[in-house]
Amino acid sequence: VPGPAAPPPAQAPLRAAPARPGPRPPSFAAAAAPGSAFVAPGAGALESALADAASAAFLRPADLFVFSASARRPALAVAQAWGLGEGAAPAAAGARLHDPSRKCVALIPAPRGMALGWLLHLAARNADLVALAEGADAATLAALGASGLAFHARLRPSDGAPAAAALEAALRHRGLAFVELSEADPTAVLRDALRPQAWEEAPA
């Protein structure tokens, strides 16, 4: 008759994986840099609003990186990459992942085709950047909402202080902030919700 079964070997206690360090926050200045530090003389309404927003958000010029689908914005005195076409938004997301101390802004046309596909992916992943788009139709906005977009604003650059305030809210938002440019409608923050994690904070 076989004897009693041997007890199972002792198992090492489970140990939690080490916590993944979070991203570095932007290098907030001890005192706000003036809006004039972000722009050259003769800046247009959009550049001026972005400069005032960055100043109000306590960013420094070195903290802001602008990625343009088309031409360079010579009135902006910040780091820029331009001529990126449909790759402007993913380039901004990649730069943000590479250096989380920076806030990245993508200047893009109305999202269509591959550009819309990238934007939907970034919305689903809640990538931490601002996408400034030259308009968006109802179908695009519905698709972005279904992908989890948490921040949506409409911006009329000529509105001055309200435009700068909306852009400041976009810069301070944690995750993807989608801002559609429109001279036909007044500036308004239409959605500003909290998402649990930005892309950079998600576990490996």
C-alpha atoms as a PDB file:
ATOM      1  CA  VAL A   1       0.000   0.000   0.000  1.00  0.00           C
ATOM      2  CA  PRO A   2       1.589   3.315  -0.996  1.00  0.00           C
ATOM      3  CA  GLY A   3       2.291   5.731   1.804  1.00  0.00           C
ATOM      4  CA  PRO A   4       0.822   9.234   2.120  1.00  0.00           C
ATOM      5  CA  ALA A   5       1.662  11.659  -0.648  1.00  0.00           C
ATOM      6  CA  ALA A   6       4.600  13.904  -0.003  1.00  0.00           C
ATOM      7  CA  PRO A   7       3.714  17.524   0.744  1.00  0.00           C
ATOM      8  CA  PRO A   8       4.216  19.900  -2.180  1.00  0.00           C
ATOM      9  CA  PRO A   9       7.523  21.757  -2.217  1.00  0.00           C
ATOM     10  CA  ALA A  10       7.500  25.121  -0.548  1.00  0.00           C
ATOM     11  CA  GLN A  11       7.043  28.008  -2.928  1.00  0.00           C
ATOM     12  CA  ALA A  12       8.854  31.283  -2.717  1.00  0.00           C
ATOM     13  CA  PRO A  13       6.548  34.111  -1.680  1.00  0.00           C
ATOM     14  CA  LEU A  14       5.250  36.223  -4.529  1.00  0.00           C
ATOM     15  CA  ARG A  15       6.806  39.641  -4.789  1.00  0.00           C
ATOM     16  CA  ALA A  16       5.229  42.626  -6.504  1.00  0.00           C
ATOM     17  CA  ALA A  17       7.004  43.992  -9.534  1.00  0.00           C
ATOM     18  CA  PRO A  18       8.865  47.228  -8.857  1.00  0.00           C
ATOM     19  CA  ALA A  19       6.800  50.290  -9.587  1.00  0.00           C
ATOM     20  CA  ARG A  20       7.530  51.935 -12.890  1.00  0.00           C
ATOM     21  CA  PRO A  21       8.666  55.520 -12.357  1.00  0.00           C
ATOM     22  CA  GLY A  22       6.256  58.086 -13.701  1.00  0.00           C
ATOM     23  CA  PRO A  23       7.217  60.659 -16.295  1.00  0.00           C
ATOM     24  CA  ARG A  24       9.030  63.795 -15.327  1.00  0.00           C
ATOM     25  CA  PRO A  25       6.701  66.779 -15.113  1.00  0.00           C
ATOM     26  CA  PRO A  26       7.326  69.795 -17.304  1.00  0.00           C
ATOM     27  CA  SER A  27      10.029  72.097 -15.936  1.00  0.00           C
ATOM     28  CA  PHE A  28       7.669  74.632 -14.460  1.00  0.00           C
ATOM     29  CA  ALA A  29       9.467  77.899 -13.941  1.00  0.00           C
ATOM     30  CA  ALA A  30       9.626  79.482 -10.494  1.00  0.00           C
ATOM     31  CA  ALA A  31       8.058  82.545 -12.098  1.00  0.00           C
ATOM     32  CA  ALA A  32       6.035  82.637 -15.283  1.00  0.00           C
ATOM     33  CA  ALA A  33       7.943  83.493 -18.433  1.00  0.00           C
ATOM     34  CA  PRO A  34       6.248  86.400 -20.203  1.00  0.00           C
ATOM     35  CA  GLY A  35       4.285  85.625 -23.333  1.00  0.00           C
ATOM     36  CA  SER A  36       6.769  87.701 -25.309  1.00  0.00           C
ATOM     37  CA  ALA A  37       9.435  85.067 -24.555  1.00  0.00           C
ATOM     38  CA  PHE A  38       7.580  82.582 -26.788  1.00  0.00           C
ATOM     39  CA  VAL A  39       7.078  84.753 -29.857  1.00  0.00           C
ATOM     40  CA  ALA A  40       8.873  87.152 -32.150  1.00  0.00           C
ATOM     41  CA  PRO A  41       7.491  90.614 -32.966  1.00  0.00           C
ATOM     42  CA  GLY A  42       4.632  90.580 -35.432  1.00  0.00           C
ATOM     43  CA  ALA A  43       3.147  87.317 -34.214  1.00  0.00           C
ATOM     44  CA  GLY A  44      -0.356  86.479 -35.431  1.00  0.00           C
ATOM     45  CA  ALA A  45      -3.410  85.838 -33.297  1.00  0.00           C
ATOM     46  CA  LEU A  46      -2.837  82.083 -32.969  1.00  0.00           C
ATOM     47  CA  GLU A  47       0.847  82.413 -32.055  1.00  0.00           C
ATOM     48  CA  SER A  48       0.045  85.170 -29.541  1.00  0.00           C
ATOM     49  CA  ALA A  49      -2.722  83.110 -27.917  1.00  0.00           C
ATOM     50  CA  LEU A  50      -0.413  80.086 -27.653  1.00  0.00           C
ATOM     51  CA  ALA A  51       2.340  82.254 -26.155  1.00  0.00           C
ATOM     52  CA  ASP A  52       0.005  83.739 -23.536  1.00  0.00           C
ATOM     53  CA  ALA A  53      -1.337  80.261 -22.745  1.00  0.00           C
ATOM     54  CA  ALA A  54       2.146  78.827 -22.260  1.00  0.00           C
ATOM     55  CA  SER A  55       3.051  81.726 -19.984  1.00  0.00           C
ATOM     56  CA  ALA A  56      -0.118  81.253 -17.917  1.00  0.00           C
ATOM     57  CA  ALA A  57       0.609  77.505 -17.670  1.00  0.00           C
ATOM     58  CA  PHE A  58       4.053  78.333 -16.211  1.00  0.00           C
ATOM     59  CA  LEU A  59       5.935  76.758 -19.099  1.00  0.00           C
ATOM     60  CA  ARG A  60       9.280  78.008 -20.364  1.00  0.00           C
ATOM     61  CA  PRO A  61      10.085  78.345 -24.067  1.00  0.00           C
ATOM     62  CA  ALA A  62      12.329  75.289 -23.696  1.00  0.00           C
ATOM     63  CA  ASP A  63       9.334  73.244 -22.495  1.00  0.00           C
ATOM     64  CA  LEU A  64       7.258  73.774 -25.643  1.00  0.00           C
ATOM     65  CA  PHE A  65       7.789  71.844 -28.910  1.00  0.00           C
ATOM     66  CA  VAL A  66       5.584  72.544 -31.944  1.00  0.00           C
ATOM     67  CA  PHE A  67       5.112  70.033 -34.783  1.00  0.00           C
ATOM     68  CA  SER A  68       3.523  71.413 -37.938  1.00  0.00           C
ATOM     69  CA  ALA A  69       1.949  69.453 -40.767  1.00  0.00           C
ATOM     70  CA  SER A  70       2.767  72.301 -43.138  1.00  0.00           C
ATOM     71  CA  ALA A  71       5.039  75.330 -42.850  1.00  0.00           C
ATOM     72  CA  ARG A  72       7.204  76.553 -40.015  1.00  0.00           C
ATOM     73  CA  ARG A  73       5.753  79.236 -37.745  1.00  0.00           C
ATOM     74  CA  PRO A  74       8.561  81.830 -37.783  1.00  0.00           C
ATOM     75  CA  ALA A  75       6.837  83.982 -35.148  1.00  0.00           C
ATOM     76  CA  LEU A  76       7.146  81.208 -32.547  1.00  0.00           C
ATOM     77  CA  ALA A  77      10.395  81.337 -30.572  1.00  0.00           C
ATOM     78  CA  VAL A  78      10.247  77.663 -29.528  1.00  0.00           C
ATOM     79  CA  ALA A  79      11.578  74.378 -30.918  1.00  0.00           C
ATOM     80  CA  GLN A  80       9.726  73.355 -34.075  1.00  0.00           C
ATOM     81  CA  ALA A  81       9.529  70.626 -36.689  1.00  0.00           C
ATOM     82  CA  TRP A  82       7.538  71.276 -39.852  1.00  0.00           C
ATOM     83  CA  GLY A  83       6.496  69.827 -43.195  1.00  0.00           C
ATOM     84  CA  LEU A  84       5.377  66.637 -41.446  1.00  0.00           C
ATOM     85  CA  GLY A  85       2.026  66.187 -43.203  1.00  0.00           C
ATOM     86  CA  GLU A  86      -0.016  63.345 -41.706  1.00  0.00           C
ATOM     87  CA  GLY A  87       2.889  62.507 -39.398  1.00  0.00           C
ATOM     88  CA  ALA A  88       2.686  65.682 -37.288  1.00  0.00           C
ATOM     89  CA  ALA A  89       0.557  64.202 -34.491  1.00  0.00           C
ATOM     90  CA  PRO A  90       2.462  60.903 -34.147  1.00  0.00           C
ATOM     91  CA  ALA A  91       5.764  62.833 -34.256  1.00  0.00           C
ATOM     92  CA  ALA A  92       4.553  65.007 -31.380  1.00  0.00           C
ATOM     93  CA  ALA A  93       3.509  61.906 -29.427  1.00  0.00           C
ATOM     94  CA  GLY A  94       6.894  60.295 -30.008  1.00  0.00           C
ATOM     95  CA  ALA A  95       8.748  63.405 -28.880  1.00  0.00           C
ATOM     96  CA  ARG A  96       6.637  63.550 -25.748  1.00  0.00           C
ATOM     97  CA  LEU A  97       7.423  59.903 -24.958  1.00  0.00           C
ATOM     98  CA  HIS A  98      11.120  60.574 -25.524  1.00  0.00           C
ATOM     99  CA  ASP A  99      11.171  63.624 -23.242  1.00  0.00           C
ATOM    100  CA  PRO A 100       8.180  63.863 -20.881  1.00  0.00           C
ATOM    101  CA  SER A 101       9.492  67.189 -19.547  1.00  0.00           C
ATOM    102  CA  ARG A 102       8.214  68.857 -22.716  1.00  0.00           C
ATOM    103  CA  LYS A 103       4.690  69.756 -23.772  1.00  0.00           C
ATOM    104  CA  CYS A 104       4.154  69.020 -27.445  1.00  0.00           C
ATOM    105  CA  VAL A 105       1.683  70.716 -29.785  1.00  0.00           C
ATOM    106  CA  ALA A 106       0.733  69.353 -33.212  1.00  0.00           C
ATOM    107  CA  LEU A 107      -0.628  71.793 -35.822  1.00  0.00           C
ATOM    108  CA  ILE A 108      -2.654  69.661 -38.214  1.00  0.00           C
ATOM    109  CA  PRO A 109      -5.261  70.075 -40.963  1.00  0.00           C
ATOM    110  CA  ALA A 110      -8.810  68.808 -40.510  1.00  0.00           C
ATOM    111  CA  PRO A 111      -8.245  65.101 -39.678  1.00  0.00           C
ATOM    112  CA  ARG A 112      -8.956  62.732 -42.565  1.00  0.00           C
ATOM    113  CA  GLY A 113      -7.581  59.436 -43.804  1.00  0.00           C
ATOM    114  CA  MET A 114      -4.351  58.342 -42.168  1.00  0.00           C
ATOM    115  CA  ALA A 115      -4.149  61.540 -40.109  1.00  0.00           C
ATOM    116  CA  LEU A 116      -7.527  60.701 -38.563  1.00  0.00           C
ATOM    117  CA  GLY A 117      -6.393  57.150 -37.930  1.00  0.00           C
ATOM    118  CA  TRP A 118      -3.380  58.402 -36.021  1.00  0.00           C
ATOM    119  CA  LEU A 119      -5.507  60.795 -34.015  1.00  0.00           C
ATOM    120  CA  LEU A 120      -7.994  58.076 -33.063  1.00  0.00           C
ATOM    121  CA  HIS A 121      -5.100  55.876 -31.922  1.00  0.00           C
ATOM    122  CA  LEU A 122      -3.653  58.710 -29.844  1.00  0.00           C
ATOM    123  CA  ALA A 123      -7.074  59.414 -28.323  1.00  0.00           C
ATOM    124  CA  ALA A 124      -7.492  55.762 -27.369  1.00  0.00           C
ATOM    125  CA  ARG A 125      -4.033  55.737 -25.771  1.00  0.00           C
ATOM    126  CA  ASN A 126      -4.603  59.173 -24.198  1.00  0.00           C
ATOM    127  CA  ALA A 127      -1.260  60.443 -25.478  1.00  0.00           C
ATOM    128  CA  ASP A 128      -0.237  63.620 -23.659  1.00  0.00           C
ATOM    129  CA  LEU A 129      -0.191  66.332 -26.333  1.00  0.00           C
ATOM    130  CA  VAL A 130      -2.264  69.145 -27.809  1.00  0.00           C
ATOM    131  CA  ALA A 131      -3.635  68.675 -31.340  1.00  0.00           C
ATOM    132  CA  LEU A 132      -4.610  71.986 -32.963  1.00  0.00           C
ATOM    133  CA  ALA A 133      -6.709  71.118 -36.001  1.00  0.00           C
ATOM    134  CA  GLU A 134      -8.053  73.334 -38.773  1.00  0.00           C
ATOM    135  CA  GLY A 135     -11.614  72.235 -38.130  1.00  0.00           C
ATOM    136  CA  ALA A 136     -13.346  68.890 -37.677  1.00  0.00           C
ATOM    137  CA  ASP A 137     -16.682  67.543 -38.886  1.00  0.00           C
ATOM    138  CA  ALA A 138     -19.332  65.873 -36.750  1.00  0.00           C
ATOM    139  CA  ALA A 139     -18.274  62.360 -37.762  1.00  0.00           C
ATOM    140  CA  THR A 140     -14.666  63.043 -36.726  1.00  0.00           C
ATOM    141  CA  LEU A 141     -15.739  64.429 -33.353  1.00  0.00           C
ATOM    142  CA  ALA A 142     -18.016  61.439 -32.762  1.00  0.00           C
ATOM    143  CA  ALA A 143     -15.191  59.017 -33.597  1.00  0.00           C
ATOM    144  CA  LEU A 144     -12.787  60.836 -31.267  1.00  0.00           C
ATOM    145  CA  GLY A 145     -15.362  60.751 -28.488  1.00  0.00           C
ATOM    146  CA  ALA A 146     -15.879  57.021 -28.999  1.00  0.00           C
ATOM    147  CA  SER A 147     -12.096  56.560 -28.764  1.00  0.00           C
ATOM    148  CA  GLY A 148     -12.057  58.171 -25.338  1.00  0.00           C
ATOM    149  CA  LEU A 149     -11.164  61.796 -26.049  1.00  0.00           C
ATOM    150  CA  ALA A 150     -11.366  63.674 -22.747  1.00  0.00           C
ATOM    151  CA  PHE A 151     -10.597  67.265 -23.831  1.00  0.00           C
ATOM    152  CA  HIS A 152     -12.220  69.114 -26.718  1.00  0.00           C
ATOM    153  CA  ALA A 153     -12.211  72.864 -27.299  1.00  0.00           C
ATOM    154  CA  ARG A 154     -13.153  75.195 -30.119  1.00  0.00           C
ATOM    155  CA  LEU A 155     -10.763  78.082 -30.677  1.00  0.00           C
ATOM    156  CA  ARG A 156     -11.203  81.402 -32.435  1.00  0.00           C
ATOM    157  CA  PRO A 157      -7.701  82.925 -32.173  1.00  0.00           C
ATOM    158  CA  SER A 158      -9.001  86.457 -32.657  1.00  0.00           C
ATOM    159  CA  ASP A 159     -10.922  86.154 -29.357  1.00  0.00           C
ATOM    160  CA  GLY A 160      -7.734  87.135 -27.500  1.00  0.00           C
ATOM    161  CA  ALA A 161      -7.897  86.382 -23.769  1.00  0.00           C
ATOM    162  CA  PRO A 162     -10.617  83.689 -24.027  1.00  0.00           C
ATOM    163  CA  ALA A 163      -8.567  81.940 -26.728  1.00  0.00           C
ATOM    164  CA  ALA A 164      -5.461  82.027 -24.530  1.00  0.00           C
ATOM    165  CA  ALA A 165      -7.467  80.660 -21.572  1.00  0.00           C
ATOM    166  CA  ALA A 166      -8.771  77.738 -23.645  1.00  0.00           C
ATOM    167  CA  LEU A 167      -5.261  76.931 -24.859  1.00  0.00           C
ATOM    168  CA  GLU A 168      -3.955  77.155 -21.296  1.00  0.00           C
ATOM    169  CA  ALA A 169      -6.546  74.557 -20.263  1.00  0.00           C
ATOM    170  CA  ALA A 170      -5.418  72.358 -23.167  1.00  0.00           C
ATOM    171  CA  LEU A 171      -1.760  72.673 -22.163  1.00  0.00           C
ATOM    172  CA  ARG A 172      -2.573  71.809 -18.547  1.00  0.00           C
ATOM    173  CA  HIS A 173      -4.718  68.812 -19.518  1.00  0.00           C
ATOM    174  CA  ARG A 174      -3.157  65.410 -18.842  1.00  0.00           C
ATOM    175  CA  GLY A 175      -3.663  63.406 -22.032  1.00  0.00           C
ATOM    176  CA  LEU A 176      -4.796  64.252 -25.547  1.00  0.00           C
ATOM    177  CA  ALA A 177      -6.337  67.712 -25.900  1.00  0.00           C
ATOM    178  CA  PHE A 178      -8.082  68.243 -29.243  1.00  0.00           C
ATOM    179  CA  VAL A 179      -8.608  71.886 -30.213  1.00  0.00           C
ATOM    180  CA  GLU A 180     -10.403  72.778 -33.434  1.00  0.00           C
ATOM    181  CA  LEU A 181      -9.718  76.160 -35.007  1.00  0.00           C
ATOM    182  CA  SER A 182     -12.793  78.053 -36.164  1.00  0.00           C
ATOM    183  CA  GLU A 183     -13.236  81.729 -36.963  1.00  0.00           C
ATOM    184  CA  ALA A 184     -16.980  81.214 -37.357  1.00  0.00           C
ATOM    185  CA  ASP A 185     -17.720  80.236 -33.737  1.00  0.00           C
ATOM    186  CA  PRO A 186     -16.580  81.715 -30.411  1.00  0.00           C
ATOM    187  CA  THR A 187     -13.934  80.060 -28.282  1.00  0.00           C
ATOM    188  CA  ALA A 188     -15.268  77.464 -25.848  1.00  0.00           C
ATOM    189  CA  VAL A 189     -13.983  74.468 -23.888  1.00  0.00           C
ATOM    190  CA  LEU A 190     -16.595  71.860 -24.779  1.00  0.00           C
ATOM    191  CA  ARG A 191     -15.254  68.890 -22.809  1.00  0.00           C
ATOM    192  CA  ASP A 192     -12.634  68.693 -20.064  1.00  0.00           C
ATOM    193  CA  ALA A 193     -12.847  65.341 -18.321  1.00  0.00           C
ATOM    194  CA  LEU A 194     -10.296  63.388 -16.326  1.00  0.00           C
ATOM    195  CA  ARG A 195      -8.856  60.221 -17.819  1.00  0.00           C
ATOM    196  CA  PRO A 196      -7.273  57.747 -15.354  1.00  0.00           C
ATOM    197  CA  GLN A 197      -3.906  57.475 -17.097  1.00  0.00           C
ATOM    198  CA  ALA A 198      -1.988  59.162 -19.841  1.00  0.00           C
ATOM    199  CA  TRP A 199      -0.066  56.967 -22.282  1.00  0.00           C
ATOM    200  CA  GLU A 200       3.256  57.706 -20.570  1.00  0.00           C
ATOM    201  CA  GLU A 201       1.906  56.531 -17.198  1.00  0.00           C
ATOM    202  CA  ALA A 202       0.453  53.213 -18.342  1.00  0.00           C
ATOM    203  CA  PRO A 203       2.173  50.082 -16.977  1.00  0.00           C
ATOM    204  CA  ALA A 204       4.649  48.304 -19.216  1.00  0.00           C
END
